[in-house]
């Protein structure tokens, strides 16, 4: 995997042929696959569960699977997705009764833990957890639906989280990823990378394009231009 990771969200894929869609974006140079898990309780909308993750693993998908839990409660689905083959599991701090305990549970189950922050979420939840994470996920839209427009004020939050990550003294082999999800497309991914993100979720911008490889290549070109 490269220093900058592109994670197409299957929320925008054709579910009638999901295995083929996932293989296609991985052949097109995607780094991993992103799961938007919604429970119609913590957020509106109802999407996929661990059986879909397990099915992709059984279908021969070996790439990392990045699971974003927009659910409440959290811990039971952490266990289920870890068993189904998830690589990263991120959750919203306000959806967990004990944030530290959920972070440790994710790691104990062999996955990489992340915290997800909504557009209006303050950064205080990172004050005592950042050094325990492998991922911070900034939502640049309000969660619940795909295809929304990027919220420009998210760039301020991304810059501040990047500053905090860079101040931490952690081993080089345990880099904390800064992921952004929501409205990412070719014409704004450069600004998001310049603000400090290194992991990018894109759904409709990739799966809604006519050429997955060309779209991902264009995204990588814009990311490189931000360096």
Protein backbone atom coordinates (compact mmCIF):
# COMPACT_ATOMS: atom_id res chain seq x y z
CA UNK A 1 0.00 0.00 0.00
CA UNK A 2 1.10 3.56 -0.67
CA UNK A 3 1.48 6.41 1.83
CA UNK A 4 -1.88 7.74 0.66
CA UNK A 5 -4.70 5.23 0.70
CA UNK A 6 -7.89 5.29 -1.36
CA UNK A 7 -10.82 3.33 0.05
CA UNK A 8 -13.88 3.07 -2.22
CA UNK A 9 -17.10 2.81 -0.22
CA UNK A 10 -19.35 -0.06 -1.22
CA UNK A 11 -22.34 2.07 -0.20
CA UNK A 12 -22.29 3.31 -3.81
CA UNK A 13 -21.55 -0.05 -5.46
CA UNK A 14 -24.00 -2.22 -7.38
CA UNK A 15 -25.03 -4.70 -4.69
CA UNK A 16 -26.42 -7.14 -7.24
CA UNK A 17 -22.82 -7.76 -8.31
CA UNK A 18 -20.88 -6.68 -5.24
CA UNK A 19 -18.06 -9.21 -5.48
CA UNK A 20 -17.32 -8.16 -9.05
CA UNK A 21 -17.53 -4.47 -8.12
CA UNK A 22 -15.02 -4.90 -5.30
CA UNK A 23 -12.62 -6.83 -7.51
CA UNK A 24 -12.95 -4.15 -10.18
CA UNK A 25 -11.99 -1.23 -7.91
CA UNK A 26 -9.08 -3.20 -6.46
CA UNK A 27 -7.82 -3.95 -9.97
CA UNK A 28 -8.23 -0.22 -10.64
CA UNK A 29 -5.60 0.52 -7.92
CA UNK A 30 -7.78 1.05 -4.84
CA UNK A 31 -5.94 0.18 -1.62
CA UNK A 32 -8.81 -1.15 0.47
CA UNK A 33 -12.58 -1.43 0.70
CA UNK A 34 -14.70 0.79 2.97
CA UNK A 35 -17.87 -0.39 4.73
CA UNK A 36 -20.44 2.19 5.87
CA UNK A 37 -22.40 0.32 8.55
CA UNK A 38 -25.64 2.10 9.48
CA UNK A 39 -28.29 0.82 11.88
CA UNK A 40 -31.28 3.15 11.28
CA UNK A 41 -30.93 4.06 14.97
CA UNK A 42 -27.71 5.97 15.60
CA UNK A 43 -28.02 7.34 12.06
CA UNK A 44 -30.82 7.19 9.49
CA UNK A 45 -30.60 4.48 6.85
CA UNK A 46 -29.86 0.78 7.14
CA UNK A 47 -26.96 -0.76 5.25
CA UNK A 48 -24.72 -3.80 5.57
CA UNK A 49 -23.72 -6.16 8.36
CA UNK A 50 -20.87 -8.58 9.06
CA UNK A 51 -22.29 -11.27 6.77
CA UNK A 52 -21.43 -9.07 3.77
CA UNK A 53 -17.86 -8.66 5.04
CA UNK A 54 -17.56 -12.40 5.56
CA UNK A 55 -19.01 -13.06 2.09
CA UNK A 56 -16.35 -10.87 0.46
CA UNK A 57 -13.61 -12.68 2.38
CA UNK A 58 -15.08 -16.01 1.27
CA UNK A 59 -15.20 -14.61 -2.28
CA UNK A 60 -11.41 -14.28 -2.13
CA UNK A 61 -11.10 -10.57 -1.34
CA UNK A 62 -7.80 -10.25 0.52
CA UNK A 63 -7.44 -6.46 0.59
CA UNK A 64 -7.91 -4.61 3.88
CA UNK A 65 -11.53 -3.94 4.82
CA UNK A 66 -12.14 -0.63 6.60
CA UNK A 67 -15.33 -0.80 8.67
CA UNK A 68 -17.00 2.40 9.88
CA UNK A 69 -19.62 1.59 12.52
CA UNK A 70 -22.43 4.16 12.64
CA UNK A 71 -24.32 2.10 15.20
CA UNK A 72 -25.34 2.06 18.84
CA UNK A 73 -24.47 -0.04 20.83
CA UNK A 74 -21.04 -0.75 19.39
CA UNK A 75 -19.24 -3.64 21.05
CA UNK A 76 -21.30 -6.60 19.81
CA UNK A 77 -20.83 -5.54 16.19
CA UNK A 78 -17.11 -5.00 16.82
CA UNK A 79 -16.88 -8.68 17.70
CA UNK A 80 -18.96 -9.73 14.71
CA UNK A 81 -17.00 -7.68 12.17
CA UNK A 82 -13.66 -8.77 13.62
CA UNK A 83 -14.75 -12.39 13.20
CA UNK A 84 -15.93 -11.60 9.66
CA UNK A 85 -12.50 -10.36 8.58
CA UNK A 86 -12.43 -6.60 9.16
CA UNK A 87 -9.02 -4.87 9.19
CA UNK A 88 -9.86 -1.43 10.60
CA UNK A 89 -12.91 -0.79 12.79
CA UNK A 90 -13.86 2.78 13.66
CA UNK A 91 -16.76 3.93 15.82
CA UNK A 92 -18.27 7.16 17.15
CA UNK A 93 -17.28 7.95 20.75
CA UNK A 94 -20.79 9.08 21.71
CA UNK A 95 -22.13 5.67 20.61
CA UNK A 96 -19.97 3.76 23.11
CA UNK A 97 -20.55 3.53 26.85
CA UNK A 98 -16.80 3.17 27.46
CA UNK A 99 -14.62 4.52 24.65
CA UNK A 100 -11.32 3.18 26.01
CA UNK A 101 -12.81 -0.26 26.50
CA UNK A 102 -14.13 -0.36 22.93
CA UNK A 103 -10.75 0.73 21.54
CA UNK A 104 -9.02 -2.04 23.48
CA UNK A 105 -11.64 -4.58 22.40
CA UNK A 106 -10.99 -3.78 18.73
CA UNK A 107 -7.24 -4.22 19.21
CA UNK A 108 -7.63 -7.40 21.28
CA UNK A 109 -9.66 -8.90 18.43
CA UNK A 110 -6.81 -8.29 16.00
CA UNK A 111 -8.15 -5.19 14.24
CA UNK A 112 -6.94 -1.60 14.07
CA UNK A 113 -9.09 0.79 16.14
CA UNK A 114 -10.35 4.16 14.98
CA UNK A 115 -12.54 6.98 16.24
CA UNK A 116 -14.98 8.70 13.89
CA UNK A 117 -15.97 12.34 14.35
CA UNK A 118 -19.11 13.91 12.90
CA UNK A 119 -18.93 17.43 11.39
CA UNK A 120 -20.14 19.08 14.62
CA UNK A 121 -18.28 16.72 16.99
CA UNK A 122 -15.67 18.44 19.19
CA UNK A 123 -12.13 17.11 19.35
CA UNK A 124 -12.13 16.53 23.12
CA UNK A 125 -12.69 12.80 22.61
CA UNK A 126 -9.15 12.62 21.18
CA UNK A 127 -7.53 14.21 24.25
CA UNK A 128 -7.06 10.91 26.06
CA UNK A 129 -7.37 8.42 23.23
CA UNK A 130 -5.33 9.61 20.24
CA UNK A 131 -2.18 7.69 21.17
CA UNK A 132 -4.24 4.48 21.42
CA UNK A 133 -5.67 4.74 17.91
CA UNK A 134 -4.56 3.60 14.49
CA UNK A 135 -7.10 5.77 12.70
CA UNK A 136 -9.04 9.01 13.08
CA UNK A 137 -11.97 9.30 10.69
CA UNK A 138 -13.26 12.79 9.96
CA UNK A 139 -16.77 12.84 8.58
CA UNK A 140 -16.98 15.66 6.04
CA UNK A 141 -20.73 15.15 5.65
CA UNK A 142 -23.38 14.30 8.21
CA UNK A 143 -23.54 10.50 8.32
CA UNK A 144 -26.51 8.52 7.08
CA UNK A 145 -26.53 8.86 3.30
CA UNK A 146 -24.12 8.68 0.38
CA UNK A 147 -23.70 11.28 -2.32
CA UNK A 148 -23.64 14.36 -0.07
CA UNK A 149 -21.55 17.47 -0.72
CA UNK A 150 -18.26 17.98 1.15
CA UNK A 151 -18.49 20.42 4.08
CA UNK A 152 -15.59 22.91 3.56
CA UNK A 153 -15.20 23.63 7.29
CA UNK A 154 -13.99 20.04 7.66
CA UNK A 155 -10.59 21.22 6.43
CA UNK A 156 -10.08 23.14 9.68
CA UNK A 157 -10.72 20.00 11.72
CA UNK A 158 -8.42 17.92 9.50
CA UNK A 159 -5.56 20.41 9.95
CA UNK A 160 -5.92 20.42 13.72
CA UNK A 161 -6.03 16.63 13.98
CA UNK A 162 -2.96 16.37 11.74
CA UNK A 163 -1.18 18.81 14.06
CA UNK A 164 -2.06 16.68 17.07
CA UNK A 165 -0.96 13.45 15.38
CA UNK A 166 2.38 14.97 14.36
CA UNK A 167 3.05 16.05 17.96
CA UNK A 168 2.71 12.51 19.28
CA UNK A 169 5.79 10.41 19.93
CA UNK A 170 4.85 7.02 18.53
CA UNK A 171 6.89 4.33 16.77
CA UNK A 172 7.27 4.89 13.04
CA UNK A 173 5.74 1.47 12.35
CA UNK A 174 2.52 2.52 14.14
CA UNK A 175 1.46 5.53 12.14
CA UNK A 176 -1.99 6.94 12.93
CA UNK A 177 -4.01 7.31 9.75
CA UNK A 178 -6.14 10.41 9.18
CA UNK A 179 -9.11 9.40 7.07
CA UNK A 180 -11.78 11.62 5.52
CA UNK A 181 -15.19 10.40 4.38
CA UNK A 182 -17.91 12.39 2.67
CA UNK A 183 -18.12 14.18 -0.65
CA UNK A 184 -14.56 13.29 -1.68
CA UNK A 185 -14.04 13.68 -5.42
CA UNK A 186 -11.34 14.57 -7.92
CA UNK A 187 -11.86 18.32 -7.63
CA UNK A 188 -11.46 18.53 -3.83
CA UNK A 189 -9.17 15.65 -2.87
CA UNK A 190 -6.06 17.83 -3.33
CA UNK A 191 -7.27 20.31 -0.69
CA UNK A 192 -8.12 17.46 1.69
CA UNK A 193 -4.65 15.95 1.25
CA UNK A 194 -3.01 19.35 1.71
CA UNK A 195 -4.88 19.72 5.02
CA UNK A 196 -3.23 16.55 6.26
CA UNK A 197 -5.40 13.55 5.37
CA UNK A 198 -3.69 10.40 4.13
CA UNK A 199 -6.68 8.06 3.71
CA UNK A 200 -9.63 8.93 1.49
CA UNK A 201 -13.07 7.34 1.28
CA UNK A 202 -14.91 7.88 -1.99
CA UNK A 203 -18.18 6.25 -2.94
CA UNK A 204 -20.19 7.79 -5.74
CA UNK A 205 -17.12 9.58 -7.14
CA UNK A 206 -15.62 6.19 -7.97
CA UNK A 207 -18.51 3.75 -8.34
CA UNK A 208 -20.56 6.38 -10.18
CA UNK A 209 -17.81 7.02 -12.70
CA UNK A 210 -17.54 5.27 -16.02
CA UNK A 211 -13.90 4.30 -15.50
CA UNK A 212 -12.75 3.28 -12.02
CA UNK A 213 -9.06 3.17 -12.96
CA UNK A 214 -9.08 6.60 -14.58
CA UNK A 215 -10.91 8.12 -11.62
CA UNK A 216 -8.55 6.64 -9.04
CA UNK A 217 -5.53 7.65 -11.15
CA UNK A 218 -6.85 11.22 -11.31
CA UNK A 219 -7.33 11.23 -7.55
CA UNK A 220 -3.76 10.04 -7.01
CA UNK A 221 -2.47 12.76 -9.34
CA UNK A 222 -4.32 15.41 -7.32
CA UNK A 223 -3.02 13.97 -4.03
CA UNK A 224 0.55 14.03 -5.35
CA UNK A 225 0.10 17.67 -6.35
CA UNK A 226 -0.75 18.52 -2.73
CA UNK A 227 2.63 17.33 -1.44
